[in-house]
Amino acid sequence: MASAIVKNQKTLENQYKREKRQLKILTKEVGAILKEFQQDYEDLLRIQGYQNELKQIIEAQEESSQEGLEKLIILAEKLEARLKGGLITCDAEKFYIEQLCSFVYDRGKSLFQYLDIKDANNTNNAQESKFNTVKHAVRRTQGTATSAHYFQHHTKYMLYIDPNLSREEIRQMLLRLDPKVVAKIMKEERALRKRPLAHIKNEAKWKARKKQLKEKLQKI
């Protein structure tokens, strides 16, 4: 009887030790998961901070378009310096900064052009959303090349107007705007679309491509 009790105690002790080890392993795994979630949360907070800075710059309508563009470029350069300095370890944050800098250096000016037109709307309204829907539909059904040709010939006459305005308010807005300023902005936009190689974003890739083309020419 005594031996049975001792054996039972050892079995309970072994079971307790085994469960304790399992609980320790589980606790460690849960801790690692929570740490990873915490890191993701902190990464998202930093990206959200960048978004808030962008929002303040873009929505500062009391400033001129030049002032807004200068502040946007300063922000992009600051983030790019952190990225090149190896201070960014999060892949999502790296991608965000790369895409932001690419857009700012290429098309950043377009974000502030509405400031050069009196009473122009700075938001993407229903009219623009409807245009984007048509644009994607044409691309899917007729191909990218055909859609680019189509919109280069037709969108140069398109203006986005807040659909909530009355007919008279739209008429007054059109009467007040300076057609020369509008024409200048639209001409710049068309030039960007017609010359896709005007901005080379990947210098190393472009050099490698030129080298390949030279080698092909030498073989002919």
N, C-alpha and C. Protein backbone atom coordinates (compact mmCIF):
# COMPACT_ATOMS: atom_id res chain seq x y z
N MET A 1 0.83 -1.21 0.00
CA MET A 1 0.00 0.00 0.00
C MET A 1 0.87 1.26 0.00
N ALA A 2 1.92 1.19 0.85
CA ALA A 2 2.83 2.34 0.95
C ALA A 2 3.55 2.58 -0.37
N SER A 3 3.97 1.48 -1.03
CA SER A 3 4.67 1.60 -2.30
C SER A 3 3.75 2.20 -3.38
N ALA A 4 2.47 1.84 -3.30
CA ALA A 4 1.50 2.38 -4.26
C ALA A 4 1.32 3.88 -4.08
N ILE A 5 1.34 4.31 -2.78
CA ILE A 5 1.18 5.74 -2.49
C ILE A 5 2.39 6.52 -3.00
N VAL A 6 3.61 5.95 -2.74
CA VAL A 6 4.85 6.60 -3.19
C VAL A 6 4.88 6.70 -4.72
N LYS A 7 4.47 5.60 -5.38
CA LYS A 7 4.43 5.58 -6.84
C LYS A 7 3.46 6.62 -7.39
N ASN A 8 2.32 6.74 -6.72
CA ASN A 8 1.29 7.71 -7.14
C ASN A 8 1.80 9.14 -6.98
N GLN A 9 2.55 9.36 -5.86
CA GLN A 9 3.11 10.70 -5.60
C GLN A 9 4.13 11.07 -6.69
N LYS A 10 5.00 10.09 -7.08
CA LYS A 10 5.99 10.34 -8.12
C LYS A 10 5.32 10.62 -9.46
N THR A 11 4.22 9.87 -9.71
CA THR A 11 3.49 10.11 -10.96
C THR A 11 2.91 11.51 -11.01
N LEU A 12 2.35 11.95 -9.86
CA LEU A 12 1.78 13.30 -9.77
C LEU A 12 2.86 14.36 -9.91
N GLU A 13 4.04 14.08 -9.28
CA GLU A 13 5.15 15.03 -9.37
C GLU A 13 5.64 15.16 -10.81
N ASN A 14 5.77 14.03 -11.50
CA ASN A 14 6.22 14.04 -12.90
C ASN A 14 5.21 14.77 -13.80
N GLN A 15 3.93 14.50 -13.51
CA GLN A 15 2.87 15.16 -14.30
C GLN A 15 2.91 16.66 -14.05
N TYR A 16 3.14 17.05 -12.79
CA TYR A 16 3.21 18.47 -12.43
C TYR A 16 4.39 19.16 -13.14
N LYS A 17 5.56 18.47 -13.10
CA LYS A 17 6.74 19.01 -13.77
C LYS A 17 6.52 19.16 -15.28
N ARG A 18 5.89 18.13 -15.89
CA ARG A 18 5.63 18.17 -17.31
C ARG A 18 4.68 19.31 -17.67
N GLU A 19 3.62 19.46 -16.88
CA GLU A 19 2.65 20.54 -17.13
C GLU A 19 3.29 21.91 -16.90
N LYS A 20 4.21 21.97 -15.90
CA LYS A 20 4.89 23.23 -15.62
C LYS A 20 5.78 23.62 -16.79
N ARG A 21 6.50 22.63 -17.38
CA ARG A 21 7.34 22.89 -18.56
C ARG A 21 6.49 23.35 -19.74
N GLN A 22 5.35 22.66 -19.95
CA GLN A 22 4.46 23.02 -21.05
C GLN A 22 3.90 24.44 -20.88
N LEU A 23 3.54 24.75 -19.62
CA LEU A 23 3.01 26.08 -19.33
C LEU A 23 4.08 27.15 -19.55
N LYS A 24 5.33 26.83 -19.18
CA LYS A 24 6.43 27.76 -19.38
C LYS A 24 6.68 28.02 -20.86
N ILE A 25 6.65 26.94 -21.65
CA ILE A 25 6.82 27.07 -23.10
C ILE A 25 5.69 27.89 -23.72
N LEU A 26 4.46 27.59 -23.29
CA LEU A 26 3.29 28.31 -23.80
C LEU A 26 3.36 29.79 -23.44
N THR A 27 3.76 30.07 -22.19
CA THR A 27 3.88 31.46 -21.75
C THR A 27 4.91 32.21 -22.59
N LYS A 28 6.03 31.53 -22.89
CA LYS A 28 7.08 32.13 -23.70
C LYS A 28 6.58 32.43 -25.12
N GLU A 29 5.82 31.49 -25.70
CA GLU A 29 5.29 31.68 -27.05
C GLU A 29 4.27 32.81 -27.09
N VAL A 30 3.39 32.85 -26.08
CA VAL A 30 2.40 33.92 -26.00
C VAL A 30 3.09 35.27 -25.84
N GLY A 31 4.14 35.30 -25.02
CA GLY A 31 4.91 36.54 -24.84
C GLY A 31 5.53 37.02 -26.14
N ALA A 32 6.06 36.07 -26.93
CA ALA A 32 6.67 36.43 -28.22
C ALA A 32 5.62 36.99 -29.18
N ILE A 33 4.42 36.38 -29.17
CA ILE A 33 3.33 36.87 -30.03
C ILE A 33 2.91 38.27 -29.62
N LEU A 34 2.77 38.49 -28.31
CA LEU A 34 2.37 39.81 -27.81
C LEU A 34 3.43 40.86 -28.14
N LYS A 35 4.70 40.45 -28.03
CA LYS A 35 5.79 41.38 -28.35
C LYS A 35 5.75 41.77 -29.83
N GLU A 36 5.45 40.77 -30.67
CA GLU A 36 5.37 41.04 -32.10
C GLU A 36 4.21 41.97 -32.42
N PHE A 37 3.06 41.73 -31.79
CA PHE A 37 1.90 42.60 -31.98
C PHE A 37 2.20 44.01 -31.48
N GLN A 38 2.92 44.10 -30.36
CA GLN A 38 3.28 45.40 -29.81
C GLN A 38 4.18 46.16 -30.76
N GLN A 39 5.12 45.43 -31.39
CA GLN A 39 6.03 46.06 -32.34
C GLN A 39 5.27 46.54 -33.57
N ASP A 40 4.33 45.71 -34.07
CA ASP A 40 3.51 46.10 -35.21
C ASP A 40 2.69 47.35 -34.88
N TYR A 41 2.17 47.40 -33.65
CA TYR A 41 1.37 48.54 -33.22
C TYR A 41 2.21 49.81 -33.19
N GLU A 42 3.43 49.70 -32.67
CA GLU A 42 4.33 50.86 -32.62
C GLU A 42 4.72 51.31 -34.02
N ASP A 43 4.93 50.34 -34.93
CA ASP A 43 5.26 50.69 -36.33
C ASP A 43 4.12 51.45 -36.98
N LEU A 44 2.89 50.97 -36.74
CA LEU A 44 1.72 51.63 -37.31
C LEU A 44 1.52 53.03 -36.73
N LEU A 45 1.85 53.19 -35.45
CA LEU A 45 1.74 54.51 -34.84
C LEU A 45 2.70 55.50 -35.49
N ARG A 46 3.91 55.04 -35.82
CA ARG A 46 4.87 55.92 -36.48
C ARG A 46 4.37 56.32 -37.87
N ILE A 47 3.84 55.35 -38.61
CA ILE A 47 3.30 55.65 -39.94
C ILE A 47 2.11 56.60 -39.83
N GLN A 48 1.29 56.39 -38.81
CA GLN A 48 0.16 57.29 -38.58
C GLN A 48 0.65 58.70 -38.28
N GLY A 49 1.78 58.80 -37.58
CA GLY A 49 2.37 60.12 -37.30
C GLY A 49 2.79 60.81 -38.59
N TYR A 50 3.36 60.04 -39.53
CA TYR A 50 3.73 60.63 -40.83
C TYR A 50 2.48 61.13 -41.56
N GLN A 51 1.41 60.32 -41.48
CA GLN A 51 0.16 60.71 -42.13
C GLN A 51 -0.40 62.00 -41.55
N ASN A 52 -0.30 62.14 -40.23
CA ASN A 52 -0.80 63.37 -39.59
C ASN A 52 0.02 64.58 -40.03
N GLU A 53 1.34 64.41 -40.16
CA GLU A 53 2.18 65.51 -40.64
C GLU A 53 1.80 65.89 -42.07
N LEU A 54 1.58 64.87 -42.90
CA LEU A 54 1.17 65.13 -44.29
C LEU A 54 -0.16 65.89 -44.32
N LYS A 55 -1.10 65.46 -43.49
CA LYS A 55 -2.42 66.08 -43.47
C LYS A 55 -2.33 67.56 -43.11
N GLN A 56 -1.51 67.87 -42.12
CA GLN A 56 -1.35 69.26 -41.70
C GLN A 56 -0.75 70.11 -42.82
N ILE A 57 0.21 69.54 -43.55
CA ILE A 57 0.85 70.29 -44.65
C ILE A 57 -0.14 70.51 -45.79
N ILE A 58 -0.84 69.44 -46.18
CA ILE A 58 -1.73 69.52 -47.35
C ILE A 58 -2.95 70.38 -47.08
N GLU A 59 -3.45 70.35 -45.84
CA GLU A 59 -4.68 71.08 -45.53
C GLU A 59 -4.44 72.51 -45.03
N ALA A 60 -3.20 72.97 -45.05
CA ALA A 60 -2.89 74.34 -44.63
C ALA A 60 -3.21 75.30 -45.77
N GLN A 61 -4.49 75.60 -45.95
CA GLN A 61 -4.93 76.39 -47.10
C GLN A 61 -4.58 77.87 -46.98
N GLU A 62 -4.14 78.30 -45.80
CA GLU A 62 -3.76 79.71 -45.64
C GLU A 62 -2.37 79.96 -46.22
N GLU A 63 -1.63 78.89 -46.55
CA GLU A 63 -0.29 79.04 -47.11
C GLU A 63 -0.35 78.97 -48.63
N SER A 64 0.70 79.45 -49.27
CA SER A 64 0.77 79.39 -50.73
C SER A 64 1.16 77.99 -51.18
N SER A 65 0.98 77.73 -52.46
CA SER A 65 1.33 76.41 -53.00
C SER A 65 2.83 76.15 -52.87
N GLN A 66 3.65 77.20 -53.02
CA GLN A 66 5.10 77.06 -52.92
C GLN A 66 5.51 76.69 -51.49
N GLU A 67 4.88 77.34 -50.50
CA GLU A 67 5.18 77.03 -49.10
C GLU A 67 4.80 75.59 -48.76
N GLY A 68 3.63 75.17 -49.25
CA GLY A 68 3.19 73.81 -48.99
C GLY A 68 4.13 72.79 -49.61
N LEU A 69 4.55 73.04 -50.85
CA LEU A 69 5.46 72.11 -51.53
C LEU A 69 6.81 72.05 -50.82
N GLU A 70 7.32 73.19 -50.37
CA GLU A 70 8.60 73.21 -49.66
C GLU A 70 8.55 72.40 -48.37
N LYS A 71 7.44 72.54 -47.62
CA LYS A 71 7.30 71.77 -46.38
C LYS A 71 7.17 70.28 -46.67
N LEU A 72 6.48 69.94 -47.75
CA LEU A 72 6.33 68.53 -48.12
C LEU A 72 7.68 67.92 -48.50
N ILE A 73 8.48 68.65 -49.24
CA ILE A 73 9.81 68.16 -49.64
C ILE A 73 10.72 68.01 -48.42
N ILE A 74 10.63 68.95 -47.47
CA ILE A 74 11.43 68.86 -46.24
C ILE A 74 11.08 67.60 -45.47
N LEU A 75 9.78 67.30 -45.37
CA LEU A 75 9.34 66.08 -44.69
C LEU A 75 9.86 64.84 -45.40
N ALA A 76 9.75 64.82 -46.72
CA ALA A 76 10.23 63.67 -47.50
C ALA A 76 11.73 63.48 -47.33
N GLU A 77 12.48 64.58 -47.36
CA GLU A 77 13.94 64.49 -47.21
C GLU A 77 14.31 64.00 -45.81
N LYS A 78 13.57 64.43 -44.80
CA LYS A 78 13.84 63.98 -43.43
C LYS A 78 13.63 62.47 -43.29
N LEU A 79 12.51 61.98 -43.85
CA LEU A 79 12.22 60.55 -43.77
C LEU A 79 13.21 59.75 -44.61
N GLU A 80 13.59 60.28 -45.76
CA GLU A 80 14.54 59.60 -46.63
C GLU A 80 15.91 59.49 -45.96
N ALA A 81 16.30 60.54 -45.21
CA ALA A 81 17.58 60.52 -44.49
C ALA A 81 17.57 59.43 -43.41
N ARG A 82 16.45 59.28 -42.72
CA ARG A 82 16.34 58.22 -41.70
C ARG A 82 16.41 56.85 -42.35
N LEU A 83 15.79 56.73 -43.52
CA LEU A 83 15.79 55.45 -44.22
C LEU A 83 17.21 55.09 -44.69
N LYS A 84 17.90 56.04 -45.31
CA LYS A 84 19.25 55.78 -45.81
C LYS A 84 20.25 55.62 -44.67
N GLY A 85 19.93 56.20 -43.52
CA GLY A 85 20.81 56.08 -42.36
C GLY A 85 20.66 54.77 -41.60
N GLY A 86 19.77 53.91 -42.10
CA GLY A 86 19.58 52.61 -41.46
C GLY A 86 18.78 52.66 -40.17
N LEU A 87 18.04 53.75 -39.97
CA LEU A 87 17.26 53.90 -38.73
C LEU A 87 15.89 53.24 -38.81
N ILE A 88 15.49 52.81 -40.00
CA ILE A 88 14.19 52.17 -40.20
C ILE A 88 14.39 50.67 -40.37
N THR A 89 13.76 49.89 -39.52
CA THR A 89 13.88 48.43 -39.60
C THR A 89 12.58 47.75 -40.02
N CYS A 90 11.48 48.45 -39.89
CA CYS A 90 10.17 47.88 -40.25
C CYS A 90 9.99 47.91 -41.77
N ASP A 91 9.66 46.77 -42.37
CA ASP A 91 9.48 46.69 -43.83
C ASP A 91 8.33 47.57 -44.31
N ALA A 92 7.22 47.57 -43.55
CA ALA A 92 6.06 48.39 -43.94
C ALA A 92 6.42 49.88 -43.92
N GLU A 93 7.20 50.28 -42.92
CA GLU A 93 7.60 51.69 -42.82
C GLU A 93 8.57 52.05 -43.94
N LYS A 94 9.48 51.14 -44.28
CA LYS A 94 10.40 51.37 -45.39
C LYS A 94 9.63 51.57 -46.69
N PHE A 95 8.66 50.67 -46.94
CA PHE A 95 7.87 50.76 -48.16
C PHE A 95 7.09 52.07 -48.21
N TYR A 96 6.51 52.46 -47.08
CA TYR A 96 5.74 53.70 -47.00
C TYR A 96 6.61 54.89 -47.37
N ILE A 97 7.81 54.96 -46.79
CA ILE A 97 8.70 56.10 -47.04
C ILE A 97 9.17 56.11 -48.49
N GLU A 98 9.51 54.94 -49.03
CA GLU A 98 9.94 54.86 -50.43
C GLU A 98 8.86 55.37 -51.37
N GLN A 99 7.61 54.92 -51.15
CA GLN A 99 6.50 55.33 -52.01
C GLN A 99 6.19 56.82 -51.84
N LEU A 100 6.27 57.29 -50.61
CA LEU A 100 6.00 58.71 -50.35
C LEU A 100 7.03 59.60 -51.04
N CYS A 101 8.31 59.28 -50.88
CA CYS A 101 9.37 60.08 -51.50
C CYS A 101 9.27 60.04 -53.02
N SER A 102 8.97 58.87 -53.57
CA SER A 102 8.82 58.74 -55.03
C SER A 102 7.72 59.66 -55.53
N PHE A 103 6.59 59.70 -54.83
CA PHE A 103 5.48 60.55 -55.26
C PHE A 103 5.80 62.03 -55.07
N VAL A 104 6.39 62.37 -53.92
CA VAL A 104 6.67 63.77 -53.63
C VAL A 104 7.63 64.37 -54.65
N TYR A 105 8.71 63.66 -54.97
CA TYR A 105 9.69 64.18 -55.92
C TYR A 105 9.16 64.19 -57.35
N ASP A 106 8.21 63.29 -57.63
CA ASP A 106 7.69 63.19 -58.99
C ASP A 106 6.46 64.07 -59.20
N ARG A 107 5.49 63.96 -58.27
CA ARG A 107 4.20 64.64 -58.49
C ARG A 107 3.75 65.48 -57.29
N GLY A 108 4.64 65.77 -56.37
CA GLY A 108 4.25 66.50 -55.16
C GLY A 108 3.61 67.85 -55.44
N LYS A 109 4.05 68.49 -56.50
CA LYS A 109 3.53 69.81 -56.84
C LYS A 109 2.03 69.78 -57.12
N SER A 110 1.55 68.66 -57.66
CA SER A 110 0.13 68.57 -58.03
C SER A 110 -0.79 68.64 -56.82
N LEU A 111 -0.28 68.32 -55.63
CA LEU A 111 -1.11 68.35 -54.42
C LEU A 111 -1.51 69.77 -54.03
N PHE A 112 -0.75 70.76 -54.49
CA PHE A 112 -0.99 72.14 -54.04
C PHE A 112 -1.44 73.06 -55.17
N GLN A 113 -1.65 72.51 -56.35
CA GLN A 113 -2.02 73.37 -57.48
C GLN A 113 -3.40 74.01 -57.29
N TYR A 114 -4.25 73.36 -56.50
CA TYR A 114 -5.59 73.95 -56.29
C TYR A 114 -5.50 75.29 -55.56
N LEU A 115 -4.39 75.52 -54.83
CA LEU A 115 -4.22 76.79 -54.11
C LEU A 115 -4.01 77.96 -55.06
N ASP A 116 -3.56 77.66 -56.28
CA ASP A 116 -3.33 78.72 -57.27
C ASP A 116 -4.61 79.11 -58.01
N ILE A 117 -5.69 78.38 -57.76
CA ILE A 117 -6.98 78.67 -58.40
C ILE A 117 -7.97 79.08 -57.32
N LYS A 118 -8.51 80.24 -57.42
CA LYS A 118 -9.41 80.76 -56.39
C LYS A 118 -10.65 79.87 -56.25
N ASP A 119 -10.97 79.54 -54.98
CA ASP A 119 -12.16 78.75 -54.61
C ASP A 119 -12.11 77.32 -55.14
N ALA A 120 -10.95 76.83 -55.55
CA ALA A 120 -10.88 75.45 -56.03
C ALA A 120 -11.01 74.48 -54.85
N ASN A 121 -11.57 73.30 -55.14
CA ASN A 121 -11.79 72.29 -54.11
C ASN A 121 -10.52 71.45 -53.96
N ASN A 122 -10.15 71.10 -52.71
CA ASN A 122 -8.93 70.33 -52.48
C ASN A 122 -9.20 68.85 -52.19
N THR A 123 -10.43 68.40 -52.37
CA THR A 123 -10.77 67.02 -52.04
C THR A 123 -11.10 66.22 -53.29
N ASN A 124 -10.96 64.89 -53.17
CA ASN A 124 -11.41 64.00 -54.25
C ASN A 124 -12.92 63.83 -54.11
N ASN A 125 -13.68 64.42 -54.99
CA ASN A 125 -15.13 64.38 -54.85
C ASN A 125 -15.73 63.28 -55.72
N ALA A 126 -17.04 63.24 -55.73
CA ALA A 126 -17.75 62.17 -56.45
C ALA A 126 -17.46 62.18 -57.94
N GLN A 127 -17.27 63.37 -58.51
CA GLN A 127 -16.99 63.47 -59.95
C GLN A 127 -15.66 62.80 -60.30
N GLU A 128 -14.65 63.04 -59.45
CA GLU A 128 -13.35 62.43 -59.71
C GLU A 128 -13.40 60.92 -59.51
N SER A 129 -14.14 60.48 -58.49
CA SER A 129 -14.28 59.04 -58.25
C SER A 129 -14.95 58.36 -59.44
N LYS A 130 -15.96 59.03 -60.02
CA LYS A 130 -16.65 58.47 -61.19
C LYS A 130 -15.69 58.39 -62.38
N PHE A 131 -14.85 59.41 -62.54
CA PHE A 131 -13.88 59.41 -63.63
C PHE A 131 -12.88 58.25 -63.47
N ASN A 132 -12.41 58.02 -62.22
CA ASN A 132 -11.47 56.92 -61.97
C ASN A 132 -12.10 55.57 -62.28
N THR A 133 -13.39 55.44 -62.00
CA THR A 133 -14.09 54.19 -62.30
C THR A 133 -14.11 53.94 -63.81
N VAL A 134 -14.40 55.00 -64.57
CA VAL A 134 -14.40 54.89 -66.03
C VAL A 134 -12.99 54.56 -66.54
N LYS A 135 -11.99 55.22 -65.97
CA LYS A 135 -10.60 55.00 -66.39
C LYS A 135 -10.19 53.54 -66.20
N HIS A 136 -10.50 52.97 -65.06
CA HIS A 136 -10.13 51.58 -64.80
C HIS A 136 -10.91 50.63 -65.71
N ALA A 137 -12.17 50.99 -65.99
CA ALA A 137 -12.98 50.14 -66.88
C ALA A 137 -12.39 50.12 -68.29
N VAL A 138 -11.96 51.28 -68.78
CA VAL A 138 -11.35 51.35 -70.12
C VAL A 138 -10.05 50.56 -70.15
N ARG A 139 -9.27 50.64 -69.10
CA ARG A 139 -8.01 49.89 -69.04
C ARG A 139 -8.26 48.37 -69.08
N ARG A 140 -9.27 47.94 -68.37
CA ARG A 140 -9.55 46.49 -68.30
C ARG A 140 -10.09 45.97 -69.63
N THR A 141 -10.90 46.78 -70.32
CA THR A 141 -11.56 46.30 -71.53
C THR A 141 -10.77 46.56 -72.80
N GLN A 142 -9.97 47.66 -72.82
CA GLN A 142 -9.27 48.03 -74.06
C GLN A 142 -7.75 48.04 -73.93
N GLY A 143 -7.24 47.83 -72.72
CA GLY A 143 -5.79 47.79 -72.54
C GLY A 143 -5.22 49.12 -72.09
N THR A 144 -4.04 49.07 -71.50
CA THR A 144 -3.42 50.26 -70.94
C THR A 144 -3.04 51.27 -72.02
N ALA A 145 -2.48 50.79 -73.13
CA ALA A 145 -2.04 51.69 -74.19
C ALA A 145 -3.20 52.47 -74.80
N THR A 146 -4.31 51.76 -75.09
CA THR A 146 -5.48 52.42 -75.67
C THR A 146 -6.08 53.42 -74.71
N SER A 147 -6.16 53.06 -73.43
CA SER A 147 -6.76 53.96 -72.43
C SER A 147 -5.90 55.22 -72.27
N ALA A 148 -4.56 55.04 -72.29
CA ALA A 148 -3.68 56.22 -72.17
C ALA A 148 -3.90 57.17 -73.33
N HIS A 149 -4.01 56.63 -74.54
CA HIS A 149 -4.24 57.46 -75.74
C HIS A 149 -5.58 58.18 -75.64
N TYR A 150 -6.60 57.45 -75.18
CA TYR A 150 -7.95 58.02 -75.09
C TYR A 150 -7.98 59.18 -74.09
N PHE A 151 -7.43 58.96 -72.91
CA PHE A 151 -7.53 59.98 -71.86
C PHE A 151 -6.60 61.16 -72.09
N GLN A 152 -5.51 60.96 -72.82
CA GLN A 152 -4.66 62.10 -73.17
C GLN A 152 -5.40 63.08 -74.07
N HIS A 153 -6.31 62.55 -74.89
CA HIS A 153 -7.04 63.41 -75.83
C HIS A 153 -8.31 64.00 -75.24
N HIS A 154 -8.85 63.39 -74.17
CA HIS A 154 -10.13 63.85 -73.66
C HIS A 154 -10.05 64.50 -72.28
N THR A 155 -9.15 64.04 -71.41
CA THR A 155 -9.16 64.58 -70.05
C THR A 155 -8.55 65.96 -69.96
N LYS A 156 -7.90 66.43 -71.00
CA LYS A 156 -7.32 67.78 -70.92
C LYS A 156 -8.41 68.85 -70.82
N TYR A 157 -9.64 68.49 -71.13
CA TYR A 157 -10.75 69.44 -71.01
C TYR A 157 -11.61 69.17 -69.79
N MET A 158 -11.18 68.26 -68.91
CA MET A 158 -12.01 67.87 -67.78
C MET A 158 -11.64 68.64 -66.53
N LEU A 159 -12.64 69.15 -65.82
CA LEU A 159 -12.45 69.81 -64.54
C LEU A 159 -13.28 69.09 -63.49
N TYR A 160 -12.72 68.93 -62.28
CA TYR A 160 -13.46 68.31 -61.17
C TYR A 160 -14.13 69.41 -60.36
N ILE A 161 -15.44 69.33 -60.23
CA ILE A 161 -16.21 70.35 -59.51
C ILE A 161 -17.04 69.67 -58.45
N ASP A 162 -17.09 70.28 -57.29
CA ASP A 162 -17.86 69.74 -56.17
C ASP A 162 -19.33 69.56 -56.59
N PRO A 163 -19.85 68.32 -56.60
CA PRO A 163 -21.23 68.10 -57.06
C PRO A 163 -22.29 68.66 -56.11
N ASN A 164 -21.86 69.04 -54.90
CA ASN A 164 -22.82 69.61 -53.94
C ASN A 164 -23.10 71.09 -54.19
N LEU A 165 -22.31 71.70 -55.07
CA LEU A 165 -22.53 73.11 -55.38
C LEU A 165 -23.75 73.26 -56.29
N SER A 166 -24.40 74.40 -56.17
CA SER A 166 -25.53 74.68 -57.05
C SER A 166 -25.01 75.12 -58.41
N ARG A 167 -25.91 75.15 -59.40
CA ARG A 167 -25.51 75.57 -60.75
C ARG A 167 -24.94 77.00 -60.73
N GLU A 168 -25.56 77.88 -59.96
CA GLU A 168 -25.11 79.26 -59.91
C GLU A 168 -23.75 79.37 -59.23
N GLU A 169 -23.52 78.58 -58.17
CA GLU A 169 -22.23 78.61 -57.49
C GLU A 169 -21.11 78.13 -58.41
N ILE A 170 -21.40 77.10 -59.20
CA ILE A 170 -20.41 76.60 -60.16
C ILE A 170 -20.12 77.66 -61.22
N ARG A 171 -21.18 78.31 -61.68
CA ARG A 171 -21.02 79.35 -62.71
C ARG A 171 -20.15 80.50 -62.18
N GLN A 172 -20.42 80.93 -60.94
CA GLN A 172 -19.65 82.02 -60.35
C GLN A 172 -18.19 81.62 -60.15
N MET A 173 -17.96 80.37 -59.78
CA MET A 173 -16.59 79.89 -59.58
C MET A 173 -15.82 79.90 -60.90
N LEU A 174 -16.48 79.46 -61.96
CA LEU A 174 -15.84 79.46 -63.27
C LEU A 174 -15.57 80.87 -63.78
N LEU A 175 -16.46 81.80 -63.42
CA LEU A 175 -16.27 83.19 -63.84
C LEU A 175 -15.09 83.84 -63.10
N ARG A 176 -14.86 83.43 -61.84
CA ARG A 176 -13.80 84.04 -61.03
C ARG A 176 -12.42 83.47 -61.33
N LEU A 177 -12.34 82.24 -61.81
CA LEU A 177 -11.02 81.62 -61.98
C LEU A 177 -10.25 82.25 -63.13
N ASP A 178 -8.94 82.15 -63.03
CA ASP A 178 -8.05 82.68 -64.06
C ASP A 178 -7.76 81.57 -65.07
N PRO A 179 -8.26 81.66 -66.30
CA PRO A 179 -8.07 80.59 -67.28
C PRO A 179 -6.60 80.32 -67.61
N LYS A 180 -5.75 81.34 -67.49
CA LYS A 180 -4.32 81.16 -67.77
C LYS A 180 -3.67 80.24 -66.74
N VAL A 181 -4.06 80.40 -65.48
CA VAL A 181 -3.52 79.55 -64.41
C VAL A 181 -3.97 78.11 -64.61
N VAL A 182 -5.25 77.94 -64.92
CA VAL A 182 -5.79 76.60 -65.15
C VAL A 182 -5.10 75.94 -66.34
N ALA A 183 -4.95 76.69 -67.42
CA ALA A 183 -4.31 76.14 -68.63
C ALA A 183 -2.87 75.74 -68.35
N LYS A 184 -2.16 76.53 -67.55
CA LYS A 184 -0.76 76.23 -67.21
C LYS A 184 -0.66 74.92 -66.43
N ILE A 185 -1.53 74.75 -65.44
CA ILE A 185 -1.52 73.53 -64.61
C ILE A 185 -1.85 72.30 -65.44
N MET A 186 -2.88 72.42 -66.29
CA MET A 186 -3.30 71.28 -67.11
C MET A 186 -2.22 70.92 -68.13
N LYS A 187 -1.51 71.92 -68.63
CA LYS A 187 -0.43 71.66 -69.58
C LYS A 187 0.70 70.89 -68.91
N GLU A 188 1.01 71.25 -67.67
CA GLU A 188 2.06 70.55 -66.91
C GLU A 188 1.65 69.11 -66.64
N GLU A 189 0.38 68.90 -66.32
CA GLU A 189 -0.11 67.54 -66.05
C GLU A 189 -0.01 66.67 -67.30
N ARG A 190 -0.40 67.22 -68.46
CA ARG A 190 -0.33 66.44 -69.70
C ARG A 190 1.11 66.12 -70.07
N ALA A 191 2.02 67.05 -69.81
CA ALA A 191 3.43 66.82 -70.13
C ALA A 191 3.98 65.65 -69.33
N LEU A 192 3.58 65.53 -68.08
CA LEU A 192 4.04 64.42 -67.24
C LEU A 192 3.54 63.09 -67.77
N ARG A 193 2.31 63.07 -68.28
CA ARG A 193 1.75 61.81 -68.78
C ARG A 193 2.37 61.42 -70.12
N LYS A 194 2.72 62.40 -70.93
CA LYS A 194 3.24 62.11 -72.27
C LYS A 194 4.71 61.73 -72.24
N ARG A 195 5.42 62.08 -71.17
CA ARG A 195 6.84 61.78 -71.09
C ARG A 195 7.12 60.92 -69.86
N PRO A 196 6.82 59.65 -69.94
CA PRO A 196 6.98 58.78 -68.77
C PRO A 196 8.42 58.62 -68.32
N LEU A 197 9.41 58.89 -69.20
CA LEU A 197 10.81 58.75 -68.81
C LEU A 197 11.42 60.06 -68.34
N ALA A 198 10.58 61.08 -68.15
CA ALA A 198 11.09 62.36 -67.69
C ALA A 198 11.66 62.26 -66.28
N HIS A 199 11.14 61.32 -65.47
CA HIS A 199 11.62 61.12 -64.11
C HIS A 199 12.11 59.69 -63.96
N ILE A 200 13.42 59.50 -63.88
CA ILE A 200 13.99 58.17 -63.72
C ILE A 200 14.13 57.90 -62.22
N LYS A 201 13.34 56.96 -61.73
CA LYS A 201 13.31 56.72 -60.29
C LYS A 201 14.36 55.72 -59.83
N ASN A 202 14.75 54.81 -60.72
CA ASN A 202 15.74 53.79 -60.35
C ASN A 202 16.94 53.93 -61.28
N GLU A 203 17.94 54.71 -60.83
CA GLU A 203 19.09 55.03 -61.67
C GLU A 203 19.89 53.77 -62.01
N ALA A 204 20.08 52.88 -61.02
CA ALA A 204 20.87 51.66 -61.26
C ALA A 204 20.21 50.76 -62.30
N LYS A 205 18.89 50.63 -62.20
CA LYS A 205 18.16 49.80 -63.15
C LYS A 205 18.24 50.38 -64.56
N TRP A 206 18.15 51.70 -64.66
CA TRP A 206 18.21 52.37 -65.96
C TRP A 206 19.59 52.21 -66.59
N LYS A 207 20.67 52.30 -65.81
CA LYS A 207 22.02 52.11 -66.31
C LYS A 207 22.23 50.69 -66.82
N ALA A 208 21.70 49.71 -66.06
CA ALA A 208 21.82 48.31 -66.47
C ALA A 208 21.09 48.07 -67.79
N ARG A 209 19.93 48.71 -67.93
CA ARG A 209 19.15 48.57 -69.17
C ARG A 209 19.90 49.18 -70.36
N LYS A 210 20.52 50.34 -70.16
CA LYS A 210 21.28 50.98 -71.24
C LYS A 210 22.47 50.12 -71.64
N LYS A 211 23.10 49.49 -70.66
CA LYS A 211 24.24 48.61 -70.94
C LYS A 211 23.81 47.43 -71.80
N GLN A 212 22.65 46.84 -71.47
CA GLN A 212 22.13 45.71 -72.25
C GLN A 212 21.84 46.13 -73.69
N LEU A 213 21.25 47.31 -73.86
CA LEU A 213 20.92 47.79 -75.20
C LEU A 213 22.18 48.05 -76.02
N LYS A 214 23.22 48.59 -75.41
CA LYS A 214 24.49 48.83 -76.10
C LYS A 214 25.12 47.51 -76.55
N GLU A 215 25.06 46.52 -75.69
CA GLU A 215 25.61 45.20 -76.04
C GLU A 215 24.88 44.59 -77.22
N LYS A 216 23.56 44.77 -77.26
CA LYS A 216 22.78 44.26 -78.39
C LYS A 216 23.14 44.97 -79.70
N LEU A 217 23.34 46.30 -79.59
CA LEU A 217 23.69 47.07 -80.77
C LEU A 217 25.06 46.65 -81.34
N GLN A 218 25.97 46.34 -80.45
CA GLN A 218 27.32 45.95 -80.88
C GLN A 218 27.32 44.60 -81.61
N LYS A 219 26.33 43.75 -81.27
CA LYS A 219 26.25 42.44 -81.91
C LYS A 219 25.60 42.51 -83.28
N ILE A 220 24.88 43.57 -83.55
CA ILE A 220 24.19 43.69 -84.85
C ILE A 220 25.18 43.99 -85.98
